[in-house]
N, C-alpha and C. Protein backbone atom coordinates (compact mmCIF):
# COMPACT_ATOMS: atom_id res chain seq x y z
N UNK A 1 149.24 116.70 96.44
CA UNK A 1 148.35 117.09 97.49
C UNK A 1 149.20 117.41 98.72
N UNK A 2 148.90 118.51 99.33
CA UNK A 2 149.67 118.92 100.50
C UNK A 2 149.25 118.10 101.71
N UNK A 3 150.07 118.18 102.70
CA UNK A 3 149.79 117.43 103.92
C UNK A 3 148.50 117.92 104.56
N UNK A 4 148.25 119.20 104.51
CA UNK A 4 147.03 119.76 105.10
C UNK A 4 145.80 119.25 104.34
N UNK A 5 145.90 119.24 103.00
CA UNK A 5 144.78 118.78 102.18
C UNK A 5 144.50 117.29 102.45
N UNK A 6 145.59 116.49 102.57
CA UNK A 6 145.40 115.06 102.86
C UNK A 6 144.76 114.88 104.23
N UNK A 7 145.19 115.68 105.20
CA UNK A 7 144.63 115.60 106.54
C UNK A 7 143.13 115.94 106.52
N UNK A 8 142.78 117.02 105.82
CA UNK A 8 141.38 117.43 105.76
C UNK A 8 140.52 116.38 105.04
N UNK A 9 141.04 115.78 103.97
CA UNK A 9 140.30 114.75 103.24
C UNK A 9 140.09 113.53 104.13
N UNK A 10 141.16 113.14 104.84
CA UNK A 10 141.07 111.98 105.71
C UNK A 10 140.11 112.26 106.87
N UNK A 11 140.19 113.43 107.45
CA UNK A 11 139.32 113.80 108.56
C UNK A 11 137.87 113.84 108.10
N UNK A 12 137.63 114.36 106.91
CA UNK A 12 136.26 114.41 106.38
C UNK A 12 135.71 113.02 106.16
N UNK A 13 136.52 112.14 105.59
CA UNK A 13 136.08 110.77 105.35
C UNK A 13 135.82 110.06 106.67
N UNK A 14 136.69 110.26 107.64
CA UNK A 14 136.52 109.64 108.95
C UNK A 14 135.26 110.16 109.63
N UNK A 15 135.02 111.45 109.51
CA UNK A 15 133.81 112.03 110.10
C UNK A 15 132.55 111.45 109.47
N UNK A 16 132.57 111.27 108.15
CA UNK A 16 131.41 110.68 107.47
C UNK A 16 131.19 109.25 107.93
N UNK A 17 132.26 108.50 108.09
CA UNK A 17 132.14 107.11 108.56
C UNK A 17 131.57 107.07 109.97
N UNK A 18 132.04 107.94 110.83
CA UNK A 18 131.54 107.97 112.21
C UNK A 18 130.08 108.38 112.25
N UNK A 19 129.70 109.34 111.42
CA UNK A 19 128.31 109.78 111.38
C UNK A 19 127.41 108.64 110.91
N UNK A 20 127.87 107.90 109.88
CA UNK A 20 127.08 106.78 109.37
C UNK A 20 126.98 105.67 110.41
N UNK A 21 128.05 105.45 111.15
CA UNK A 21 128.05 104.39 112.15
C UNK A 21 127.11 104.71 113.31
N UNK A 22 126.88 105.99 113.56
CA UNK A 22 126.02 106.38 114.68
C UNK A 22 124.55 106.46 114.29
N UNK A 23 124.22 106.28 113.01
CA UNK A 23 122.83 106.31 112.58
C UNK A 23 122.10 105.08 113.11
N UNK A 24 120.86 105.23 113.45
CA UNK A 24 120.10 104.06 113.91
C UNK A 24 119.95 103.07 112.76
N UNK A 25 119.80 101.83 113.14
CA UNK A 25 119.60 100.78 112.12
C UNK A 25 118.29 101.05 111.38
N UNK A 26 118.25 100.71 110.10
CA UNK A 26 116.99 100.92 109.36
C UNK A 26 115.88 100.09 109.98
N UNK A 27 114.66 100.56 109.85
CA UNK A 27 113.55 99.81 110.46
C UNK A 27 113.40 98.45 109.79
N UNK A 28 112.90 97.51 110.56
CA UNK A 28 112.65 96.16 110.05
C UNK A 28 111.54 96.23 109.00
N UNK A 29 111.57 95.34 108.02
CA UNK A 29 110.48 95.34 107.05
C UNK A 29 109.15 95.08 107.75
N UNK A 30 108.06 95.60 107.19
CA UNK A 30 106.78 95.42 107.87
C UNK A 30 106.37 93.96 107.93
N UNK A 31 105.73 93.61 109.01
CA UNK A 31 105.19 92.25 109.10
C UNK A 31 103.71 92.36 108.77
N UNK A 32 103.26 91.53 107.87
CA UNK A 32 101.89 91.60 107.41
C UNK A 32 101.00 90.72 108.27
N UNK A 33 99.75 91.06 108.27
CA UNK A 33 98.78 90.31 109.06
C UNK A 33 98.68 88.88 108.52
N UNK A 34 98.49 87.93 109.38
CA UNK A 34 98.30 86.56 108.90
C UNK A 34 97.02 86.46 108.07
N UNK A 35 96.93 85.41 107.31
CA UNK A 35 95.76 85.19 106.48
C UNK A 35 94.50 85.24 107.32
N UNK A 36 93.48 85.85 106.79
CA UNK A 36 92.20 85.91 107.49
C UNK A 36 91.31 84.84 106.90
N UNK A 37 91.21 83.73 107.58
CA UNK A 37 90.41 82.61 107.10
C UNK A 37 89.08 82.49 107.83
N UNK A 38 88.67 83.56 108.49
CA UNK A 38 87.35 83.57 109.10
C UNK A 38 86.31 83.64 107.98
N UNK A 39 85.05 83.32 108.26
CA UNK A 39 84.03 83.42 107.21
C UNK A 39 83.99 84.81 106.54
N UNK A 40 84.08 85.85 107.34
CA UNK A 40 84.06 87.20 106.77
C UNK A 40 85.31 87.46 105.94
N UNK A 41 86.44 86.95 106.40
CA UNK A 41 87.69 87.13 105.66
C UNK A 41 87.67 86.41 104.32
N UNK A 42 87.12 85.21 104.30
CA UNK A 42 87.04 84.44 103.05
C UNK A 42 86.07 85.13 102.09
N UNK A 43 84.97 85.67 102.60
CA UNK A 43 84.05 86.43 101.73
C UNK A 43 84.76 87.63 101.13
N UNK A 44 85.60 88.27 101.91
CA UNK A 44 86.36 89.41 101.39
C UNK A 44 87.34 88.97 100.31
N UNK A 45 87.99 87.84 100.53
CA UNK A 45 88.89 87.31 99.50
C UNK A 45 88.11 86.97 98.23
N UNK A 46 86.94 86.38 98.39
CA UNK A 46 86.12 85.98 97.25
C UNK A 46 85.63 87.19 96.46
N UNK A 47 85.45 88.31 97.14
CA UNK A 47 85.00 89.52 96.45
C UNK A 47 86.01 89.95 95.38
N UNK A 48 87.28 89.61 95.58
CA UNK A 48 88.30 89.94 94.58
C UNK A 48 88.07 89.20 93.27
N UNK A 49 87.38 88.08 93.32
CA UNK A 49 87.14 87.25 92.13
C UNK A 49 85.96 87.76 91.31
N UNK A 50 85.12 88.59 91.94
CA UNK A 50 83.86 89.00 91.32
C UNK A 50 84.05 89.80 90.04
N UNK A 51 85.11 90.56 89.93
CA UNK A 51 85.31 91.39 88.74
C UNK A 51 85.32 90.55 87.47
N UNK A 52 85.86 89.37 87.53
CA UNK A 52 85.93 88.50 86.35
C UNK A 52 84.90 87.38 86.39
N UNK A 53 84.74 86.75 87.56
CA UNK A 53 83.92 85.54 87.67
C UNK A 53 82.51 85.81 88.18
N UNK A 54 82.17 87.07 88.40
CA UNK A 54 80.83 87.44 88.83
C UNK A 54 80.63 87.31 90.33
N UNK A 55 79.58 87.96 90.79
CA UNK A 55 79.24 87.92 92.21
C UNK A 55 78.98 86.49 92.64
N UNK A 56 79.63 86.08 93.71
CA UNK A 56 79.52 84.73 94.26
C UNK A 56 79.86 83.65 93.23
N UNK A 57 80.71 84.00 92.26
CA UNK A 57 81.18 83.01 91.30
C UNK A 57 80.23 82.73 90.16
N UNK A 58 79.25 83.61 89.95
CA UNK A 58 78.30 83.44 88.85
C UNK A 58 78.51 84.56 87.84
N UNK A 59 79.22 84.27 86.73
CA UNK A 59 79.49 85.32 85.75
C UNK A 59 78.21 85.74 85.01
N UNK A 60 78.30 86.86 84.35
CA UNK A 60 77.17 87.37 83.58
C UNK A 60 76.79 86.38 82.47
N UNK A 61 75.51 86.30 82.14
CA UNK A 61 75.09 85.41 81.05
C UNK A 61 75.88 85.71 79.78
N UNK A 62 76.32 84.66 79.13
CA UNK A 62 77.08 84.80 77.89
C UNK A 62 78.57 85.02 78.09
N UNK A 63 79.02 85.12 79.33
CA UNK A 63 80.44 85.32 79.60
C UNK A 63 81.24 84.08 79.22
N UNK A 64 82.44 84.29 78.73
CA UNK A 64 83.32 83.16 78.41
C UNK A 64 84.16 82.74 79.61
N UNK A 65 84.06 83.48 80.71
CA UNK A 65 84.83 83.14 81.91
C UNK A 65 84.14 82.03 82.68
N UNK A 66 84.94 81.25 83.35
CA UNK A 66 84.43 80.11 84.11
C UNK A 66 83.56 80.57 85.26
N UNK A 67 82.45 79.90 85.43
CA UNK A 67 81.64 80.08 86.62
C UNK A 67 82.25 79.25 87.74
N UNK A 68 82.31 79.81 88.92
CA UNK A 68 82.93 79.10 90.05
C UNK A 68 81.89 78.51 90.99
N UNK A 69 80.71 79.08 91.00
CA UNK A 69 79.67 78.65 91.94
C UNK A 69 79.29 77.20 91.71
N UNK A 70 79.31 76.42 92.78
CA UNK A 70 78.87 75.04 92.74
C UNK A 70 79.86 74.04 92.15
N UNK A 71 81.02 74.49 91.73
CA UNK A 71 82.03 73.54 91.22
C UNK A 71 82.61 72.76 92.40
N UNK A 72 83.04 71.53 92.16
CA UNK A 72 83.64 70.76 93.26
C UNK A 72 84.88 71.46 93.84
N UNK A 73 84.93 71.51 95.16
CA UNK A 73 86.01 72.19 95.86
C UNK A 73 87.38 71.65 95.46
N UNK A 74 87.52 70.33 95.42
CA UNK A 74 88.81 69.73 95.10
C UNK A 74 89.28 70.10 93.70
N UNK A 75 88.35 70.14 92.77
CA UNK A 75 88.67 70.52 91.39
C UNK A 75 89.18 71.96 91.33
N UNK A 76 88.48 72.85 92.03
CA UNK A 76 88.90 74.26 92.04
C UNK A 76 90.23 74.44 92.76
N UNK A 77 90.41 73.75 93.87
CA UNK A 77 91.66 73.88 94.61
C UNK A 77 92.83 73.41 93.76
N UNK A 78 92.66 72.30 93.06
CA UNK A 78 93.73 71.81 92.18
C UNK A 78 94.04 72.84 91.10
N UNK A 79 93.00 73.40 90.48
CA UNK A 79 93.21 74.40 89.44
C UNK A 79 93.93 75.63 89.99
N UNK A 80 93.53 76.09 91.16
CA UNK A 80 94.15 77.27 91.75
C UNK A 80 95.63 77.03 92.06
N UNK A 81 95.95 75.87 92.60
CA UNK A 81 97.35 75.53 92.89
C UNK A 81 98.14 75.45 91.58
N UNK A 82 97.53 74.87 90.55
CA UNK A 82 98.22 74.79 89.25
C UNK A 82 98.46 76.18 88.68
N UNK A 83 97.49 77.08 88.81
CA UNK A 83 97.71 78.47 88.38
C UNK A 83 98.87 79.08 89.16
N UNK A 84 98.86 78.89 90.47
CA UNK A 84 99.89 79.47 91.33
C UNK A 84 101.28 78.97 90.95
N UNK A 85 101.38 77.70 90.59
CA UNK A 85 102.66 77.09 90.23
C UNK A 85 103.04 77.34 88.78
N UNK A 86 102.16 77.97 88.01
CA UNK A 86 102.43 78.22 86.60
C UNK A 86 102.28 76.98 85.73
N UNK A 87 101.59 75.97 86.23
CA UNK A 87 101.43 74.72 85.49
C UNK A 87 100.14 74.67 84.67
N UNK A 88 99.32 75.69 84.80
CA UNK A 88 98.06 75.74 84.06
C UNK A 88 98.05 77.04 83.27
N UNK A 89 97.77 76.98 81.98
CA UNK A 89 97.80 78.22 81.18
C UNK A 89 96.74 79.22 81.63
N UNK A 90 97.10 80.47 81.57
CA UNK A 90 96.19 81.53 81.99
C UNK A 90 96.66 82.86 81.45
N UNK A 91 95.77 83.83 81.44
CA UNK A 91 96.17 85.19 81.11
C UNK A 91 96.53 85.94 82.38
N UNK A 92 95.69 85.85 83.40
CA UNK A 92 95.92 86.56 84.67
C UNK A 92 95.97 85.66 85.90
N UNK A 93 95.28 84.54 85.85
CA UNK A 93 95.12 83.74 87.06
C UNK A 93 96.44 83.28 87.66
N UNK A 94 97.43 82.99 86.84
CA UNK A 94 98.70 82.54 87.40
C UNK A 94 99.34 83.66 88.22
N UNK A 95 99.14 84.89 87.82
CA UNK A 95 99.68 86.02 88.60
C UNK A 95 98.86 86.27 89.85
N UNK A 96 97.54 86.21 89.71
CA UNK A 96 96.68 86.47 90.87
C UNK A 96 96.82 85.40 91.94
N UNK A 97 96.89 84.14 91.53
CA UNK A 97 96.95 83.04 92.49
C UNK A 97 98.21 83.10 93.34
N UNK A 98 99.27 83.68 92.82
CA UNK A 98 100.51 83.79 93.60
C UNK A 98 100.36 84.69 94.81
N UNK A 99 99.32 85.52 94.83
CA UNK A 99 99.10 86.42 95.95
C UNK A 99 98.38 85.79 97.13
N UNK A 100 98.02 84.53 97.00
CA UNK A 100 97.28 83.84 98.06
C UNK A 100 98.08 82.67 98.60
N UNK A 101 97.91 82.41 99.88
CA UNK A 101 98.52 81.22 100.47
C UNK A 101 97.73 80.00 100.00
N UNK A 102 98.32 78.83 100.15
CA UNK A 102 97.60 77.60 99.80
C UNK A 102 96.34 77.44 100.65
N UNK A 103 96.41 77.88 101.91
CA UNK A 103 95.24 77.79 102.79
C UNK A 103 94.12 78.71 102.30
N UNK A 104 94.50 79.90 101.84
CA UNK A 104 93.50 80.83 101.32
C UNK A 104 92.87 80.27 100.04
N UNK A 105 93.67 79.67 99.18
CA UNK A 105 93.13 79.07 97.95
C UNK A 105 92.15 77.95 98.28
N UNK A 106 92.50 77.12 99.28
CA UNK A 106 91.60 76.05 99.69
C UNK A 106 90.30 76.63 100.24
N UNK A 107 90.40 77.69 101.03
CA UNK A 107 89.21 78.32 101.60
C UNK A 107 88.34 78.92 100.50
N UNK A 108 88.96 79.52 99.50
CA UNK A 108 88.20 80.08 98.37
C UNK A 108 87.49 78.97 97.60
N UNK A 109 88.19 77.88 97.36
CA UNK A 109 87.58 76.75 96.65
C UNK A 109 86.36 76.24 97.42
N UNK A 110 86.48 76.11 98.73
CA UNK A 110 85.35 75.66 99.56
C UNK A 110 84.20 76.67 99.51
N UNK A 111 84.53 77.95 99.57
CA UNK A 111 83.52 79.00 99.54
C UNK A 111 82.71 78.93 98.24
N UNK A 112 83.39 78.88 97.11
CA UNK A 112 82.69 78.86 95.84
C UNK A 112 81.93 77.56 95.62
N UNK A 113 82.45 76.45 96.14
CA UNK A 113 81.75 75.17 96.02
C UNK A 113 80.39 75.21 96.72
N UNK A 114 80.29 75.99 97.78
CA UNK A 114 79.03 76.09 98.56
C UNK A 114 78.04 77.07 97.94
N UNK A 115 78.45 77.83 96.95
CA UNK A 115 77.55 78.82 96.35
C UNK A 115 76.61 78.13 95.35
N UNK A 116 75.34 78.51 95.36
CA UNK A 116 74.42 77.93 94.37
C UNK A 116 74.76 78.43 92.97
N UNK A 117 74.53 77.57 92.01
CA UNK A 117 74.82 77.95 90.61
C UNK A 117 73.86 78.97 90.10
C-alpha cells in the first residue's frame, strides 16, 4: 500500500470516527405509564380476562375454564402470583400474569371477588 493510500484510509477512518462521535446520543428508552389502579383502570385490566373467563369473570355455561366471579380474593391473588412465578401449571396464564405488577394482580383478585357469580 502506498503512502497516499494509507493516508487516505487513515483519514477516512478518522473522519468516520469523528462523525460518529458528533452524533447525538440515542434517545432514552420510553418510560411507561405507572399502573392504573383506579376503579376504571382495574375494570380495563379485567376486560383482558373476559376472552377466556367470560364477562366479569363468568364463563359461558359448560366452559371448562375457571369462573373468577365471587371467588375469594386471597385465593385468586395467590393463584395469580403462582402463575406469574411459574409455580402453577398453565397453558397461558403463566405468560399473561407476567405482564402485570403484583399490585395489579391484587386489584384484579379484589375486582373479581366482588363480582356476583
